[in-house]
Amino acid sequence: FYGPVAPSEKGTRSRLEGSVTAEVAVT
């Protein structure tokens, strides 16, 4: 998980933003 963080691009384009803020093994 990344964020919450302000996006560098808004609308329909996305890129990974910032650094990992949490991670979890998939149950």
mmCIF file of all heavy atoms, coordinates in Angstrom:
data_MODEL
# 
_entry.id   MODEL 
# 
loop_
_atom_site.group_PDB 
_atom_site.id 
_atom_site.type_symbol 
_atom_site.label_atom_id 
_atom_site.label_alt_id 
_atom_site.label_comp_id 
_atom_site.label_asym_id 
_atom_site.label_entity_id 
_atom_site.label_seq_id 
_atom_site.pdbx_PDB_ins_code 
_atom_site.Cartn_x 
_atom_site.Cartn_y 
_atom_site.Cartn_z 
_atom_site.occupancy 
_atom_site.B_iso_or_equiv 
_atom_site.pdbx_formal_charge 
_atom_site.auth_seq_id 
_atom_site.auth_comp_id 
_atom_site.auth_asym_id 
_atom_site.auth_atom_id 
_atom_site.pdbx_PDB_model_num 
ATOM 1   N N   . PHE A 1 1  ? 0.841  -1.197  0.000   1.00 0.00 ? 1  PHE A N   1 
ATOM 2   C CA  . PHE A 1 1  ? 0.000  0.000   0.000   1.00 0.00 ? 1  PHE A CA  1 
ATOM 3   C C   . PHE A 1 1  ? 0.876  1.246   0.000   1.00 0.00 ? 1  PHE A C   1 
ATOM 4   O O   . PHE A 1 1  ? 1.898  1.303   0.689   1.00 0.00 ? 1  PHE A O   1 
ATOM 5   C CB  . PHE A 1 1  ? -0.906 0.007   1.232   1.00 0.00 ? 1  PHE A CB  1 
ATOM 6   C CG  . PHE A 1 1  ? -1.926 -1.087  1.216   1.00 0.00 ? 1  PHE A CG  1 
ATOM 7   C CD1 . PHE A 1 1  ? -1.612 -2.379  1.624   1.00 0.00 ? 1  PHE A CD1 1 
ATOM 8   C CD2 . PHE A 1 1  ? -3.218 -0.841  0.778   1.00 0.00 ? 1  PHE A CD2 1 
ATOM 9   C CE1 . PHE A 1 1  ? -2.549 -3.393  1.599   1.00 0.00 ? 1  PHE A CE1 1 
ATOM 10  C CE2 . PHE A 1 1  ? -4.171 -1.857  0.753   1.00 0.00 ? 1  PHE A CE2 1 
ATOM 11  C CZ  . PHE A 1 1  ? -3.831 -3.137  1.164   1.00 0.00 ? 1  PHE A CZ  1 
ATOM 12  N N   . TYR A 1 2  ? 0.440  2.250   -0.748  1.00 0.00 ? 2  TYR A N   1 
ATOM 13  C CA  . TYR A 1 2  ? 1.114  3.537   -0.844  1.00 0.00 ? 2  TYR A CA  1 
ATOM 14  C C   . TYR A 1 2  ? 0.102  4.629   -0.505  1.00 0.00 ? 2  TYR A C   1 
ATOM 15  O O   . TYR A 1 2  ? -1.046 4.550   -0.932  1.00 0.00 ? 2  TYR A O   1 
ATOM 16  C CB  . TYR A 1 2  ? 1.617  3.768   -2.277  1.00 0.00 ? 2  TYR A CB  1 
ATOM 17  C CG  . TYR A 1 2  ? 2.614  2.747   -2.755  1.00 0.00 ? 2  TYR A CG  1 
ATOM 18  C CD1 . TYR A 1 2  ? 2.217  1.462   -3.126  1.00 0.00 ? 2  TYR A CD1 1 
ATOM 19  C CD2 . TYR A 1 2  ? 3.958  3.070   -2.839  1.00 0.00 ? 2  TYR A CD2 1 
ATOM 20  C CE1 . TYR A 1 2  ? 3.136  0.529   -3.576  1.00 0.00 ? 2  TYR A CE1 1 
ATOM 21  C CE2 . TYR A 1 2  ? 4.893  2.138   -3.289  1.00 0.00 ? 2  TYR A CE2 1 
ATOM 22  C CZ  . TYR A 1 2  ? 4.470  0.879   -3.647  1.00 0.00 ? 2  TYR A CZ  1 
ATOM 23  O OH  . TYR A 1 2  ? 5.378  -0.055  -4.090  1.00 0.00 ? 2  TYR A OH  1 
ATOM 24  N N   . GLY A 1 3  ? 0.530  5.641   0.234   1.00 0.00 ? 3  GLY A N   1 
ATOM 25  C CA  . GLY A 1 3  ? -0.350 6.763   0.531   1.00 0.00 ? 3  GLY A CA  1 
ATOM 26  C C   . GLY A 1 3  ? -1.001 6.653   1.886   1.00 0.00 ? 3  GLY A C   1 
ATOM 27  O O   . GLY A 1 3  ? -0.678 5.757   2.666   1.00 0.00 ? 3  GLY A O   1 
ATOM 28  N N   . PRO A 1 4  ? -1.905 7.595   2.205   1.00 0.00 ? 4  PRO A N   1 
ATOM 29  C CA  . PRO A 1 4  ? -2.434 8.602   1.297   1.00 0.00 ? 4  PRO A CA  1 
ATOM 30  C C   . PRO A 1 4  ? -1.388 9.661   0.951   1.00 0.00 ? 4  PRO A C   1 
ATOM 31  O O   . PRO A 1 4  ? -0.631 10.109  1.795   1.00 0.00 ? 4  PRO A O   1 
ATOM 32  C CB  . PRO A 1 4  ? -3.605 9.211   2.058   1.00 0.00 ? 4  PRO A CB  1 
ATOM 33  C CG  . PRO A 1 4  ? -3.386 8.864   3.489   1.00 0.00 ? 4  PRO A CG  1 
ATOM 34  C CD  . PRO A 1 4  ? -2.520 7.668   3.531   1.00 0.00 ? 4  PRO A CD  1 
ATOM 35  N N   . VAL A 1 5  ? -1.401 10.030  -0.326  1.00 0.00 ? 5  VAL A N   1 
ATOM 36  C CA  . VAL A 1 5  ? -0.446 10.987  -0.861  1.00 0.00 ? 5  VAL A CA  1 
ATOM 37  C C   . VAL A 1 5  ? -1.120 11.742  -2.001  1.00 0.00 ? 5  VAL A C   1 
ATOM 38  O O   . VAL A 1 5  ? -2.019 11.214  -2.655  1.00 0.00 ? 5  VAL A O   1 
ATOM 39  C CB  . VAL A 1 5  ? 0.833  10.251  -1.347  1.00 0.00 ? 5  VAL A CB  1 
ATOM 40  C CG1 . VAL A 1 5  ? 0.521  9.298   -2.475  1.00 0.00 ? 5  VAL A CG1 1 
ATOM 41  C CG2 . VAL A 1 5  ? 1.942  11.221  -1.723  1.00 0.00 ? 5  VAL A CG2 1 
ATOM 42  N N   . ALA A 1 6  ? -0.686 12.984  -2.224  1.00 0.00 ? 6  ALA A N   1 
ATOM 43  C CA  . ALA A 1 6  ? -1.205 13.753  -3.357  1.00 0.00 ? 6  ALA A CA  1 
ATOM 44  C C   . ALA A 1 6  ? -0.664 13.133  -4.642  1.00 0.00 ? 6  ALA A C   1 
ATOM 45  O O   . ALA A 1 6  ? 0.529  12.845  -4.739  1.00 0.00 ? 6  ALA A O   1 
ATOM 46  C CB  . ALA A 1 6  ? -0.781 15.208  -3.245  1.00 0.00 ? 6  ALA A CB  1 
ATOM 47  N N   . PRO A 1 7  ? -1.521 12.917  -5.629  1.00 0.00 ? 7  PRO A N   1 
ATOM 48  C CA  . PRO A 1 7  ? -1.052 12.296  -6.874  1.00 0.00 ? 7  PRO A CA  1 
ATOM 49  C C   . PRO A 1 7  ? -0.297 13.296  -7.749  1.00 0.00 ? 7  PRO A C   1 
ATOM 50  O O   . PRO A 1 7  ? -0.616 14.483  -7.778  1.00 0.00 ? 7  PRO A O   1 
ATOM 51  C CB  . PRO A 1 7  ? -2.356 11.856  -7.552  1.00 0.00 ? 7  PRO A CB  1 
ATOM 52  C CG  . PRO A 1 7  ? -3.374 12.833  -7.060  1.00 0.00 ? 7  PRO A CG  1 
ATOM 53  C CD  . PRO A 1 7  ? -2.966 13.162  -5.647  1.00 0.00 ? 7  PRO A CD  1 
ATOM 54  N N   . SER A 1 8  ? 0.690  12.809  -8.477  1.00 0.00 ? 8  SER A N   1 
ATOM 55  C CA  . SER A 1 8  ? 1.404  13.669  -9.421  1.00 0.00 ? 8  SER A CA  1 
ATOM 56  C C   . SER A 1 8  ? 0.607  13.821  -10.717 1.00 0.00 ? 8  SER A C   1 
ATOM 57  O O   . SER A 1 8  ? 0.807  14.774  -11.456 1.00 0.00 ? 8  SER A O   1 
ATOM 58  C CB  . SER A 1 8  ? 2.796  13.111  -9.714  1.00 0.00 ? 8  SER A CB  1 
ATOM 59  O OG  . SER A 1 8  ? 2.699  11.816  -10.269 1.00 0.00 ? 8  SER A OG  1 
ATOM 60  N N   . GLU A 1 9  ? -0.285 12.868  -10.985 1.00 0.00 ? 9  GLU A N   1 
ATOM 61  C CA  . GLU A 1 9  ? -1.171 12.937  -12.144 1.00 0.00 ? 9  GLU A CA  1 
ATOM 62  C C   . GLU A 1 9  ? -2.594 12.722  -11.664 1.00 0.00 ? 9  GLU A C   1 
ATOM 63  O O   . GLU A 1 9  ? -2.835 11.882  -10.808 1.00 0.00 ? 9  GLU A O   1 
ATOM 64  C CB  . GLU A 1 9  ? -0.823 11.868  -13.177 1.00 0.00 ? 9  GLU A CB  1 
ATOM 65  C CG  . GLU A 1 9  ? 0.550  12.033  -13.775 1.00 0.00 ? 9  GLU A CG  1 
ATOM 66  C CD  . GLU A 1 9  ? 0.797  11.049  -14.900 1.00 0.00 ? 9  GLU A CD  1 
ATOM 67  O OE1 . GLU A 1 9  ? -0.022 11.011  -15.838 1.00 0.00 ? 9  GLU A OE1 1 
ATOM 68  O OE2 . GLU A 1 9  ? 1.793  10.326  -14.823 1.00 0.00 ? 9  GLU A OE2 1 
ATOM 69  N N   . LYS A 1 10 ? -3.526 13.480  -12.207 1.00 0.00 ? 10 LYS A N   1 
ATOM 70  C CA  . LYS A 1 10 ? -4.927 13.335  -11.818 1.00 0.00 ? 10 LYS A CA  1 
ATOM 71  C C   . LYS A 1 10 ? -5.735 12.861  -13.007 1.00 0.00 ? 10 LYS A C   1 
ATOM 72  O O   . LYS A 1 10 ? -5.306 12.954  -14.142 1.00 0.00 ? 10 LYS A O   1 
ATOM 73  C CB  . LYS A 1 10 ? -5.468 14.666  -11.284 1.00 0.00 ? 10 LYS A CB  1 
ATOM 74  C CG  . LYS A 1 10 ? -4.748 15.096  -10.017 1.00 0.00 ? 10 LYS A CG  1 
ATOM 75  C CD  . LYS A 1 10 ? -5.332 16.334  -9.412  1.00 0.00 ? 10 LYS A CD  1 
ATOM 76  C CE  . LYS A 1 10 ? -4.565 16.656  -8.132  1.00 0.00 ? 10 LYS A CE  1 
ATOM 77  N NZ  . LYS A 1 10 ? -5.178 17.736  -7.390  1.00 0.00 ? 10 LYS A NZ  1 
ATOM 78  N N   . GLY A 1 11 ? -6.916 12.339  -12.723 1.00 0.00 ? 11 GLY A N   1 
ATOM 79  C CA  . GLY A 1 11 ? -7.766 11.850  -13.795 1.00 0.00 ? 11 GLY A CA  1 
ATOM 80  C C   . GLY A 1 11 ? -7.555 10.368  -14.021 1.00 0.00 ? 11 GLY A C   1 
ATOM 81  O O   . GLY A 1 11 ? -7.422 9.599   -13.072 1.00 0.00 ? 11 GLY A O   1 
ATOM 82  N N   . THR A 1 12 ? -7.492 9.968   -15.276 1.00 0.00 ? 12 THR A N   1 
ATOM 83  C CA  . THR A 1 12 ? -7.460 8.540   -15.603 1.00 0.00 ? 12 THR A CA  1 
ATOM 84  C C   . THR A 1 12 ? -6.057 7.956   -15.687 1.00 0.00 ? 12 THR A C   1 
ATOM 85  O O   . THR A 1 12 ? -5.905 6.773   -15.959 1.00 0.00 ? 12 THR A O   1 
ATOM 86  C CB  . THR A 1 12 ? -8.187 8.280   -16.932 1.00 0.00 ? 12 THR A CB  1 
ATOM 87  O OG1 . THR A 1 12 ? -7.528 9.038   -17.960 1.00 0.00 ? 12 THR A OG1 1 
ATOM 88  C CG2 . THR A 1 12 ? -9.650 8.662   -16.848 1.00 0.00 ? 12 THR A CG2 1 
ATOM 89  N N   . ARG A 1 13 ? -5.033 8.763   -15.467 1.00 0.00 ? 13 ARG A N   1 
ATOM 90  C CA  . ARG A 1 13 ? -3.653 8.251   -15.491 1.00 0.00 ? 13 ARG A CA  1 
ATOM 91  C C   . ARG A 1 13 ? -3.163 8.108   -14.061 1.00 0.00 ? 13 ARG A C   1 
ATOM 92  O O   . ARG A 1 13 ? -3.414 8.968   -13.218 1.00 0.00 ? 13 ARG A O   1 
ATOM 93  C CB  . ARG A 1 13 ? -2.741 9.173   -16.275 1.00 0.00 ? 13 ARG A CB  1 
ATOM 94  C CG  . ARG A 1 13 ? -3.120 9.232   -17.747 1.00 0.00 ? 13 ARG A CG  1 
ATOM 95  C CD  . ARG A 1 13 ? -2.184 10.135  -18.509 1.00 0.00 ? 13 ARG A CD  1 
ATOM 96  N NE  . ARG A 1 13 ? -0.780 9.801   -18.305 1.00 0.00 ? 13 ARG A NE  1 
ATOM 97  C CZ  . ARG A 1 13 ? -0.059 9.027   -19.109 1.00 0.00 ? 13 ARG A CZ  1 
ATOM 98  N NH1 . ARG A 1 13 ? -0.633 8.476   -20.158 1.00 0.00 ? 13 ARG A NH1 1 
ATOM 99  N NH2 . ARG A 1 13 ? 1.210  8.791   -18.863 1.00 0.00 ? 13 ARG A NH2 1 
ATOM 100 N N   . SER A 1 14 ? -2.428 7.030   -13.795 1.00 0.00 ? 14 SER A N   1 
ATOM 101 C CA  . SER A 1 14 ? -1.902 6.783   -12.452 1.00 0.00 ? 14 SER A CA  1 
ATOM 102 C C   . SER A 1 14 ? -0.486 6.241   -12.548 1.00 0.00 ? 14 SER A C   1 
ATOM 103 O O   . SER A 1 14 ? -0.129 5.584   -13.520 1.00 0.00 ? 14 SER A O   1 
ATOM 104 C CB  . SER A 1 14 ? -2.765 5.766   -11.702 1.00 0.00 ? 14 SER A CB  1 
ATOM 105 O OG  . SER A 1 14 ? -4.053 6.251   -11.506 1.00 0.00 ? 14 SER A OG  1 
ATOM 106 N N   . ARG A 1 15 ? 0.276  6.513   -11.510 1.00 0.00 ? 15 ARG A N   1 
ATOM 107 C CA  . ARG A 1 15 ? 1.593  5.899   -11.330 1.00 0.00 ? 15 ARG A CA  1 
ATOM 108 C C   . ARG A 1 15 ? 1.761  5.675   -9.845  1.00 0.00 ? 15 ARG A C   1 
ATOM 109 O O   . ARG A 1 15 ? 1.128  6.364   -9.037  1.00 0.00 ? 15 ARG A O   1 
ATOM 110 C CB  . ARG A 1 15 ? 2.700  6.766   -11.887 1.00 0.00 ? 15 ARG A CB  1 
ATOM 111 C CG  . ARG A 1 15 ? 2.826  8.100   -11.166 1.00 0.00 ? 15 ARG A CG  1 
ATOM 112 C CD  . ARG A 1 15 ? 4.014  8.912   -11.568 1.00 0.00 ? 15 ARG A CD  1 
ATOM 113 N NE  . ARG A 1 15 ? 4.083  9.004   -13.007 1.00 0.00 ? 15 ARG A NE  1 
ATOM 114 C CZ  . ARG A 1 15 ? 4.835  9.848   -13.659 1.00 0.00 ? 15 ARG A CZ  1 
ATOM 115 N NH1 . ARG A 1 15 ? 5.597  10.673  -13.002 1.00 0.00 ? 15 ARG A NH1 1 
ATOM 116 N NH2 . ARG A 1 15 ? 4.845  9.891   -14.962 1.00 0.00 ? 15 ARG A NH2 1 
ATOM 117 N N   . LEU A 1 16 ? 2.584  4.708   -9.468  1.00 0.00 ? 16 LEU A N   1 
ATOM 118 C CA  . LEU A 1 16 ? 2.833  4.491   -8.047  1.00 0.00 ? 16 LEU A CA  1 
ATOM 119 C C   . LEU A 1 16 ? 3.428  5.755   -7.457  1.00 0.00 ? 16 LEU A C   1 
ATOM 120 O O   . LEU A 1 16 ? 4.340  6.351   -8.032  1.00 0.00 ? 16 LEU A O   1 
ATOM 121 C CB  . LEU A 1 16 ? 3.781  3.317   -7.828  1.00 0.00 ? 16 LEU A CB  1 
ATOM 122 C CG  . LEU A 1 16 ? 3.161  1.938   -7.922  1.00 0.00 ? 16 LEU A CG  1 
ATOM 123 C CD1 . LEU A 1 16 ? 4.229  0.863   -7.779  1.00 0.00 ? 16 LEU A CD1 1 
ATOM 124 C CD2 . LEU A 1 16 ? 2.079  1.745   -6.886  1.00 0.00 ? 16 LEU A CD2 1 
ATOM 125 N N   . GLU A 1 17 ? 2.895  6.159   -6.308  1.00 0.00 ? 17 GLU A N   1 
ATOM 126 C CA  . GLU A 1 17 ? 3.300  7.415   -5.688  1.00 0.00 ? 17 GLU A CA  1 
ATOM 127 C C   . GLU A 1 17 ? 3.918  7.160   -4.319  1.00 0.00 ? 17 GLU A C   1 
ATOM 128 O O   . GLU A 1 17 ? 3.346  6.454   -3.493  1.00 0.00 ? 17 GLU A O   1 
ATOM 129 C CB  . GLU A 1 17 ? 2.082  8.333   -5.512  1.00 0.00 ? 17 GLU A CB  1 
ATOM 130 C CG  . GLU A 1 17 ? 1.377  8.694   -6.798  1.00 0.00 ? 17 GLU A CG  1 
ATOM 131 C CD  . GLU A 1 17 ? 2.076  9.765   -7.612  1.00 0.00 ? 17 GLU A CD  1 
ATOM 132 O OE1 . GLU A 1 17 ? 3.128  10.292  -7.180  1.00 0.00 ? 17 GLU A OE1 1 
ATOM 133 O OE2 . GLU A 1 17 ? 1.573  10.092  -8.700  1.00 0.00 ? 17 GLU A OE2 1 
ATOM 134 N N   . GLY A 1 18 ? 5.081  7.746   -4.084  1.00 0.00 ? 18 GLY A N   1 
ATOM 135 C CA  . GLY A 1 18 ? 5.699  7.685   -2.767  1.00 0.00 ? 18 GLY A CA  1 
ATOM 136 C C   . GLY A 1 18 ? 6.287  6.328   -2.460  1.00 0.00 ? 18 GLY A C   1 
ATOM 137 O O   . GLY A 1 18 ? 6.655  5.561   -3.344  1.00 0.00 ? 18 GLY A O   1 
ATOM 138 N N   . SER A 1 19 ? 6.353  6.041   -1.173  1.00 0.00 ? 19 SER A N   1 
ATOM 139 C CA  . SER A 1 19 ? 6.925  4.774   -0.730  1.00 0.00 ? 19 SER A CA  1 
ATOM 140 C C   . SER A 1 19 ? 5.847  3.925   -0.054  1.00 0.00 ? 19 SER A C   1 
ATOM 141 O O   . SER A 1 19 ? 4.761  4.415   0.273   1.00 0.00 ? 19 SER A O   1 
ATOM 142 C CB  . SER A 1 19 ? 8.091  5.023   0.233   1.00 0.00 ? 19 SER A CB  1 
ATOM 143 O OG  . SER A 1 19 ? 7.648  5.795   1.326   1.00 0.00 ? 19 SER A OG  1 
ATOM 144 N N   . VAL A 1 20 ? 6.163  2.674   0.159   1.00 0.00 ? 20 VAL A N   1 
ATOM 145 C CA  . VAL A 1 20 ? 5.222  1.747   0.791   1.00 0.00 ? 20 VAL A CA  1 
ATOM 146 C C   . VAL A 1 20 ? 4.929  2.228   2.214   1.00 0.00 ? 20 VAL A C   1 
ATOM 147 O O   . VAL A 1 20 ? 5.852  2.485   2.988   1.00 0.00 ? 20 VAL A O   1 
ATOM 148 C CB  . VAL A 1 20 ? 5.793  0.311   0.811   1.00 0.00 ? 20 VAL A CB  1 
ATOM 149 C CG1 . VAL A 1 20 ? 4.903  -0.625  1.592   1.00 0.00 ? 20 VAL A CG1 1 
ATOM 150 C CG2 . VAL A 1 20 ? 5.998  -0.189  -0.610  1.00 0.00 ? 20 VAL A CG2 1 
ATOM 151 N N   . THR A 1 21 ? 3.638  2.362   2.537   1.00 0.00 ? 21 THR A N   1 
ATOM 152 C CA  . THR A 1 21 ? 3.239  2.779   3.886   1.00 0.00 ? 21 THR A CA  1 
ATOM 153 C C   . THR A 1 21 ? 2.704  1.620   4.716   1.00 0.00 ? 21 THR A C   1 
ATOM 154 O O   . THR A 1 21 ? 2.622  1.720   5.930   1.00 0.00 ? 21 THR A O   1 
ATOM 155 C CB  . THR A 1 21 ? 2.186  3.909   3.837   1.00 0.00 ? 21 THR A CB  1 
ATOM 156 O OG1 . THR A 1 21 ? 1.083  3.484   3.038   1.00 0.00 ? 21 THR A OG1 1 
ATOM 157 C CG2 . THR A 1 21 ? 2.781  5.177   3.247   1.00 0.00 ? 21 THR A CG2 1 
ATOM 158 N N   . ALA A 1 22 ? 2.342  0.528   4.043   1.00 0.00 ? 22 ALA A N   1 
ATOM 159 C CA  . ALA A 1 22 ? 1.886  -0.682  4.748   1.00 0.00 ? 22 ALA A CA  1 
ATOM 160 C C   . ALA A 1 22 ? 1.944  -1.837  3.761   1.00 0.00 ? 22 ALA A C   1 
ATOM 161 O O   . ALA A 1 22 ? 1.852  -1.637  2.550   1.00 0.00 ? 22 ALA A O   1 
ATOM 162 C CB  . ALA A 1 22 ? 0.467  -0.507  5.280   1.00 0.00 ? 22 ALA A CB  1 
ATOM 163 N N   . GLU A 1 23 ? 2.089  -3.053  4.282   1.00 0.00 ? 23 GLU A N   1 
ATOM 164 C CA  . GLU A 1 23 ? 2.025  -4.241  3.436   1.00 0.00 ? 23 GLU A CA  1 
ATOM 165 C C   . GLU A 1 23 ? 1.464  -5.381  4.261   1.00 0.00 ? 23 GLU A C   1 
ATOM 166 O O   . GLU A 1 23 ? 1.584  -5.399  5.485   1.00 0.00 ? 23 GLU A O   1 
ATOM 167 C CB  . GLU A 1 23 ? 3.377  -4.598  2.846   1.00 0.00 ? 23 GLU A CB  1 
ATOM 168 C CG  . GLU A 1 23 ? 4.468  -4.876  3.835   1.00 0.00 ? 23 GLU A CG  1 
ATOM 169 C CD  . GLU A 1 23 ? 5.802  -5.148  3.146   1.00 0.00 ? 23 GLU A CD  1 
ATOM 170 O OE1 . GLU A 1 23 ? 6.199  -4.393  2.251   1.00 0.00 ? 23 GLU A OE1 1 
ATOM 171 O OE2 . GLU A 1 23 ? 6.432  -6.149  3.526   1.00 0.00 ? 23 GLU A OE2 1 
ATOM 172 N N   . VAL A 1 24 ? 0.820  -6.308  3.563   1.00 0.00 ? 24 VAL A N   1 
ATOM 173 C CA  . VAL A 1 24 ? 0.184  -7.427  4.253   1.00 0.00 ? 24 VAL A CA  1 
ATOM 174 C C   . VAL A 1 24 ? 0.210  -8.652  3.338   1.00 0.00 ? 24 VAL A C   1 
ATOM 175 O O   . VAL A 1 24 ? 0.077  -8.530  2.117   1.00 0.00 ? 24 VAL A O   1 
ATOM 176 C CB  . VAL A 1 24 ? -1.261 -7.068  4.674   1.00 0.00 ? 24 VAL A CB  1 
ATOM 177 C CG1 . VAL A 1 24 ? -2.174 -6.872  3.472   1.00 0.00 ? 24 VAL A CG1 1 
ATOM 178 C CG2 . VAL A 1 24 ? -1.841 -8.091  5.634   1.00 0.00 ? 24 VAL A CG2 1 
ATOM 179 N N   . ALA A 1 25 ? 0.385  -9.812  3.938   1.00 0.00 ? 25 ALA A N   1 
ATOM 180 C CA  . ALA A 1 25 ? 0.262  -11.057 3.186   1.00 0.00 ? 25 ALA A CA  1 
ATOM 181 C C   . ALA A 1 25 ? -1.199 -11.229 2.782   1.00 0.00 ? 25 ALA A C   1 
ATOM 182 O O   . ALA A 1 25 ? -2.108 -10.866 3.541   1.00 0.00 ? 25 ALA A O   1 
ATOM 183 C CB  . ALA A 1 25 ? 0.713  -12.234 4.047   1.00 0.00 ? 25 ALA A CB  1 
ATOM 184 N N   . VAL A 1 26 ? -1.435 -11.750 1.598   1.00 0.00 ? 26 VAL A N   1 
ATOM 185 C CA  . VAL A 1 26 ? -2.801 -11.989 1.148   1.00 0.00 ? 26 VAL A CA  1 
ATOM 186 C C   . VAL A 1 26 ? -3.346 -13.191 1.913   1.00 0.00 ? 26 VAL A C   1 
ATOM 187 O O   . VAL A 1 26 ? -2.731 -14.261 1.938   1.00 0.00 ? 26 VAL A O   1 
ATOM 188 C CB  . VAL A 1 26 ? -2.855 -12.222 -0.370  1.00 0.00 ? 26 VAL A CB  1 
ATOM 189 C CG1 . VAL A 1 26 ? -4.256 -12.612 -0.817  1.00 0.00 ? 26 VAL A CG1 1 
ATOM 190 C CG2 . VAL A 1 26 ? -2.382 -10.974 -1.108  1.00 0.00 ? 26 VAL A CG2 1 
ATOM 191 N N   . THR A 1 27 ? -4.497 -13.002 2.543   1.00 0.00 ? 27 THR A N   1 
ATOM 192 C CA  . THR A 1 27 ? -5.138 -14.073 3.300   1.00 0.00 ? 27 THR A CA  1 
ATOM 193 C C   . THR A 1 27 ? -5.597 -15.168 2.341   1.00 0.00 ? 27 THR A C   1 
ATOM 194 O O   . THR A 1 27 ? -6.241 -14.884 1.322   1.00 0.00 ? 27 THR A O   1 
ATOM 195 C CB  . THR A 1 27 ? -6.340 -13.526 4.095   1.00 0.00 ? 27 THR A CB  1 
ATOM 196 O OG1 . THR A 1 27 ? -5.864 -12.565 5.041   1.00 0.00 ? 27 THR A OG1 1 
ATOM 197 C CG2 . THR A 1 27 ? -7.086 -14.628 4.822   1.00 0.00 ? 27 THR A CG2 1 
# 
